[in-house]
Amino acid sequence: MMKVERKCKIVSKEKMGDAIYMVLEVGDMVRTSCKGPGQFVHIKCGDGLLLRRPISVCSCQEDDPSDLLAIVFEVRGEGTQWLANRPVGHSVDVMGMLGNGFQVKPEGRYLLVGGGIGIPPMRGCAQYTMGKSTAILGGRSADKIILRDRFAEECAKVLIATDDGSLGHHGFVDALVRQELEQDKNYDAVLACGPKPMLRNVAKVAEEFGVPCQVSMEERMGCGIGACLVCACDMKDGSRKHVCKDGPVFDSKEVDWNA
């Protein structure tokens, strides 16, 4: 697939907890390169030699004259700081949409699990299966559970876990995944995005209940195009795949969780 690079205008941005929610006008990018929820875009952050930053797509829509795409990111270094400081009306250089997202059917019913900055990419899955899926959102504290009002509108129900107990279940999301699957195994799959230890635990619970599980290993990406290799991920069959090219979404049974 040809990598498409475009100048994309920032149409809005707002702060959500520690994260920035930014909407971009992306030409026909959604129409031409969207394969479904869970993909990412590659944004050039800065005017110098800074690397592009891979950032998950939160939601996207075909629109006229220009498709719209929302991203959510936290400032982690000078690249994301530069992006956070871009004013509305300015343009950024975006390559996308990239990667293989979640395998979802619009008529399907999924258990969506997002942890921290892994919450935004799950929103596309919620919209795709409008009103049928259940979301389980986790974070260190209440202010880390971003977009929960949107998930409430777009899901059948939303459950929340916080490490410090400031909102919802006091503990980790896998406990809520277990609780939900004990009551209702009738999900097409569990779809999850977040830190690797969270994904490992969620995958283990899904396997126990015999529910397929797909995981987005998105926080392991550096360059986004398979060049820098920091995102190598060990597979059970002994192979190494790259999150950016082969993923970021994998079947949880393929991943070597002990690597």
Protein backbone atom coordinates (compact mmCIF):
# COMPACT_ATOMS: atom_id res chain seq x y z
CA MET A 1 0.00 0.00 0.00
CA MET A 2 1.32 3.42 -0.87
CA LYS A 3 2.14 5.52 2.17
CA VAL A 4 0.22 8.74 1.82
CA GLU A 5 1.66 11.86 3.35
CA ARG A 6 -0.52 14.93 3.73
CA LYS A 7 -0.60 18.34 5.32
CA CYS A 8 -3.56 18.14 7.67
CA LYS A 9 -5.23 21.07 9.36
CA ILE A 10 -5.94 21.03 13.09
CA VAL A 11 -9.63 21.89 13.44
CA SER A 12 -9.94 21.57 17.21
CA LYS A 13 -8.04 20.55 20.30
CA GLU A 14 -8.93 20.21 23.95
CA LYS A 15 -7.25 18.99 27.10
CA MET A 16 -8.63 15.83 28.72
CA GLY A 17 -6.84 15.07 31.98
CA ASP A 18 -3.20 14.65 30.98
CA ALA A 19 -4.11 14.02 27.37
CA ILE A 20 -4.75 16.23 24.34
CA TYR A 21 -7.72 15.45 22.11
CA MET A 22 -7.08 16.77 18.61
CA VAL A 23 -9.22 16.65 15.46
CA LEU A 24 -7.56 16.88 12.05
CA GLU A 25 -8.89 17.40 8.53
CA VAL A 26 -7.22 14.64 6.53
CA GLY A 27 -8.43 14.97 2.92
CA ASP A 28 -9.59 11.60 1.61
CA MET A 29 -7.36 9.61 4.00
CA VAL A 30 -10.25 7.85 5.73
CA ARG A 31 -11.90 6.97 2.42
CA THR A 32 -8.69 5.62 0.92
CA SER A 33 -6.79 3.97 3.77
CA CYS A 34 -9.16 3.09 6.62
CA LYS A 35 -9.26 -0.67 7.24
CA GLY A 36 -11.27 -0.44 10.46
CA PRO A 37 -10.70 0.66 14.06
CA GLY A 38 -7.31 0.27 15.70
CA GLN A 39 -5.02 1.80 13.08
CA PHE A 40 -2.56 4.63 13.69
CA VAL A 41 -1.18 7.69 11.93
CA HIS A 42 2.39 8.84 11.77
CA ILE A 43 2.83 12.52 12.54
CA LYS A 44 5.94 14.57 11.94
CA CYS A 45 6.51 16.36 15.23
CA GLY A 46 8.80 19.34 14.90
CA ASP A 47 10.62 21.12 12.14
CA GLY A 48 14.01 19.55 12.67
CA LEU A 49 15.10 15.95 12.47
CA LEU A 50 12.73 14.69 15.12
CA LEU A 51 11.21 11.34 14.31
CA ARG A 52 7.63 11.02 13.33
CA ARG A 53 5.43 9.91 16.20
CA PRO A 54 3.00 7.03 15.76
CA ILE A 55 -0.32 8.01 17.36
CA SER A 56 -3.43 5.85 17.52
CA VAL A 57 -6.55 6.93 15.74
CA CYS A 58 -9.30 7.52 18.28
CA SER A 59 -12.10 7.90 15.74
CA CYS A 60 -12.47 8.89 12.12
CA GLN A 61 -15.22 9.69 9.68
CA GLU A 62 -15.65 10.24 6.00
CA ASP A 63 -16.72 13.80 5.42
CA ASP A 64 -17.02 16.37 2.70
CA PRO A 65 -14.83 18.09 1.58
CA SER A 66 -12.31 16.63 4.01
CA ASP A 67 -12.37 13.46 6.13
CA LEU A 68 -11.99 13.98 9.88
CA LEU A 69 -9.74 12.06 12.22
CA ALA A 70 -9.35 12.39 15.99
CA ILE A 71 -6.19 11.53 17.91
CA VAL A 72 -5.52 11.52 21.64
CA PHE A 73 -2.00 11.65 23.04
CA GLU A 74 -0.06 12.53 26.17
CA VAL A 75 3.01 14.74 26.15
CA ARG A 76 5.91 12.33 26.69
CA GLY A 77 8.83 14.22 25.15
CA GLU A 78 9.76 17.08 22.87
CA GLY A 79 7.96 15.65 19.82
CA THR A 80 4.58 15.33 21.51
CA GLN A 81 5.20 18.66 23.29
CA TRP A 82 5.65 20.29 19.89
CA LEU A 83 2.41 18.71 18.64
CA ALA A 84 0.49 19.77 21.76
CA ASN A 85 1.58 23.36 21.17
CA ARG A 86 0.33 23.52 17.56
CA PRO A 87 -2.49 26.07 17.38
CA VAL A 88 -5.86 25.31 15.83
CA GLY A 89 -5.75 26.30 12.15
CA HIS A 90 -2.14 25.19 11.72
CA SER A 91 -1.26 22.09 9.70
CA VAL A 92 0.78 19.03 10.58
CA ASP A 93 2.39 16.48 8.29
CA VAL A 94 0.50 13.19 8.64
CA MET A 95 1.13 9.78 7.11
CA GLY A 96 -1.64 7.22 7.33
CA MET A 97 -3.75 5.45 8.09
CA LEU A 98 -1.26 2.70 8.93
CA GLY A 99 -1.16 -0.73 10.52
CA ASN A 100 -3.67 -3.51 10.89
CA GLY A 101 -6.48 -2.75 13.26
CA PHE A 102 -9.00 -4.92 15.07
CA GLN A 103 -11.00 -7.53 13.17
CA VAL A 104 -14.51 -6.33 13.95
CA LYS A 105 -17.86 -6.86 12.31
CA PRO A 106 -20.35 -3.95 12.56
CA GLU A 107 -23.04 -6.39 13.70
CA GLY A 108 -20.72 -7.96 16.29
CA ARG A 109 -20.74 -7.55 20.05
CA TYR A 110 -17.40 -7.06 21.72
CA LEU A 111 -15.92 -6.55 25.15
CA LEU A 112 -13.68 -3.48 24.74
CA VAL A 113 -10.91 -3.05 27.27
CA GLY A 114 -8.79 0.10 27.38
CA GLY A 115 -6.12 1.05 29.90
CA GLY A 116 -4.80 4.60 30.27
CA ILE A 117 -3.73 5.98 26.91
CA GLY A 118 -5.01 2.68 25.44
CA ILE A 119 -8.58 3.97 25.99
CA PRO A 120 -8.87 6.26 22.91
CA PRO A 121 -8.14 3.59 20.25
CA MET A 122 -11.03 1.51 21.63
CA ARG A 123 -13.49 4.26 20.81
CA GLY A 124 -13.39 3.43 17.10
CA CYS A 125 -14.51 -0.11 18.00
CA ALA A 126 -17.35 1.30 20.09
CA GLN A 127 -18.57 3.47 17.22
CA TYR A 128 -18.19 0.65 14.72
CA THR A 129 -20.50 -1.62 16.75
CA MET A 130 -22.72 1.27 17.86
CA GLY A 131 -24.60 0.49 21.06
CA LYS A 132 -23.85 -3.26 21.15
CA SER A 133 -20.45 -3.52 22.81
CA THR A 134 -19.44 -3.21 26.46
CA ALA A 135 -16.46 -1.08 27.50
CA ILE A 136 -14.18 -1.67 30.47
CA LEU A 137 -11.91 1.32 31.03
CA GLY A 138 -9.03 1.44 33.47
CA GLY A 139 -6.46 3.94 34.68
CA ARG A 140 -4.38 4.97 37.65
CA SER A 141 -7.03 7.41 38.86
CA ALA A 142 -10.38 8.92 37.84
CA ASP A 143 -8.79 11.71 35.76
CA LYS A 144 -7.04 9.09 33.59
CA ILE A 145 -10.37 7.65 32.42
CA ILE A 146 -10.79 9.89 29.41
CA LEU A 147 -13.69 9.93 26.93
CA ARG A 148 -15.97 8.05 29.29
CA ASP A 149 -19.02 10.14 28.35
CA ARG A 150 -18.45 9.21 24.68
CA PHE A 151 -18.16 5.52 25.54
CA ALA A 152 -21.36 5.84 27.58
CA GLU A 153 -23.17 7.10 24.48
CA GLU A 154 -21.67 4.50 22.16
CA CYS A 155 -21.73 1.32 24.26
CA ALA A 156 -24.41 -0.80 25.89
CA LYS A 157 -22.60 -0.37 29.20
CA VAL A 158 -19.36 0.97 30.62
CA LEU A 159 -17.45 -0.43 33.60
CA ILE A 160 -14.53 1.42 35.18
CA ALA A 161 -11.55 0.35 37.26
CA THR A 162 -8.99 2.63 38.91
CA ASP A 163 -5.77 1.62 40.65
CA ASP A 164 -6.48 4.06 43.50
CA GLY A 165 -10.21 3.37 43.80
CA SER A 166 -11.17 6.98 43.00
CA LEU A 167 -13.74 5.76 40.45
CA GLY A 168 -15.48 2.44 39.89
CA HIS A 169 -13.79 -0.84 40.85
CA HIS A 170 -10.70 -0.46 43.04
CA GLY A 171 -8.14 -2.52 41.16
CA PHE A 172 -7.27 -3.63 37.65
CA VAL A 173 -9.42 -4.12 34.57
CA ASP A 174 -8.86 -7.88 34.36
CA ALA A 175 -11.02 -8.35 37.49
CA LEU A 176 -13.88 -6.61 35.66
CA VAL A 177 -13.26 -8.66 32.51
CA ARG A 178 -13.60 -11.80 34.64
CA GLN A 179 -16.75 -10.49 36.33
CA GLU A 180 -18.33 -9.62 32.97
CA LEU A 181 -17.47 -12.94 31.28
CA GLU A 182 -18.74 -14.90 34.30
CA GLN A 183 -22.13 -13.24 33.76
CA ASP A 184 -22.08 -13.20 29.97
CA LYS A 185 -19.72 -15.13 27.66
CA ASN A 186 -21.76 -14.15 24.61
CA TYR A 187 -19.15 -11.80 23.11
CA ASP A 188 -17.60 -12.26 19.67
CA ALA A 189 -14.23 -11.29 21.11
CA VAL A 190 -12.40 -9.31 23.76
CA LEU A 191 -10.52 -6.36 22.19
CA ALA A 192 -7.88 -4.67 24.32
CA CYS A 193 -5.33 -1.88 24.23
CA GLY A 194 -3.01 -0.75 27.01
CA PRO A 195 0.25 -1.57 28.77
CA LYS A 196 1.64 -5.06 28.15
CA PRO A 197 1.05 -6.44 31.70
CA MET A 198 -2.62 -5.42 31.41
CA LEU A 199 -2.92 -7.07 28.00
CA ARG A 200 -1.34 -10.28 29.29
CA ASN A 201 -3.81 -10.48 32.18
CA VAL A 202 -6.83 -9.68 30.02
CA ALA A 203 -5.73 -12.28 27.43
CA LYS A 204 -5.41 -14.90 30.18
CA VAL A 205 -8.95 -14.28 31.43
CA ALA A 206 -10.40 -14.33 27.90
CA GLU A 207 -8.67 -17.64 27.19
CA GLU A 208 -10.04 -19.15 30.41
CA PHE A 209 -13.57 -18.38 29.22
CA GLY A 210 -12.87 -19.50 25.65
CA VAL A 211 -13.51 -16.04 24.18
CA PRO A 212 -11.18 -14.92 21.35
CA CYS A 213 -8.98 -11.96 22.24
CA GLN A 214 -7.21 -9.36 20.10
CA VAL A 215 -4.61 -7.04 21.61
CA SER A 216 -3.16 -3.76 20.37
CA MET A 217 0.51 -3.52 21.36
CA GLU A 218 0.59 0.10 20.36
CA GLU A 219 2.75 1.58 23.06
CA ARG A 220 5.78 -0.34 21.80
CA MET A 221 6.17 1.73 18.61
CA GLY A 222 9.06 3.99 17.74
CA CYS A 223 9.29 4.79 14.05
CA GLY A 224 6.02 3.36 12.74
CA ILE A 225 7.38 1.99 9.47
CA GLY A 226 9.46 -1.01 10.45
CA ALA A 227 12.80 0.74 10.30
CA CYS A 228 13.86 1.28 13.90
CA LEU A 229 12.82 -2.16 15.18
CA VAL A 230 12.23 -1.07 18.79
CA CYS A 231 8.72 -2.42 18.48
CA ALA A 232 9.77 -6.04 17.91
CA CYS A 233 7.38 -8.39 19.66
CA ASP A 234 8.12 -12.05 20.35
CA MET A 235 5.58 -14.57 19.11
CA LYS A 236 4.82 -18.03 20.53
CA ASP A 237 6.10 -19.69 17.34
CA GLY A 238 9.54 -18.19 17.91
CA SER A 239 9.17 -15.49 15.27
CA ARG A 240 9.45 -11.78 15.95
CA LYS A 241 6.88 -9.46 14.50
CA HIS A 242 6.88 -5.69 14.33
CA VAL A 243 4.06 -3.87 16.00
CA CYS A 244 4.02 -1.14 13.37
CA LYS A 245 3.99 -3.33 10.23
CA ASP A 246 2.42 -6.58 11.39
CA GLY A 247 0.20 -4.99 14.05
CA PRO A 248 -0.44 -3.05 16.13
CA VAL A 249 -3.23 -5.59 16.68
CA PHE A 250 -2.45 -9.28 17.22
CA ASP A 251 -4.39 -12.36 18.23
CA SER A 252 -3.48 -12.74 21.90
CA LYS A 253 -2.76 -16.46 21.43
CA GLU A 254 0.09 -15.60 19.01
CA VAL A 255 1.97 -13.41 21.49
CA ASP A 256 4.69 -14.84 23.70
CA TRP A 257 3.63 -13.18 26.95
CA ASN A 258 6.69 -14.48 28.81
CA ALA A 259 9.25 -12.88 26.52
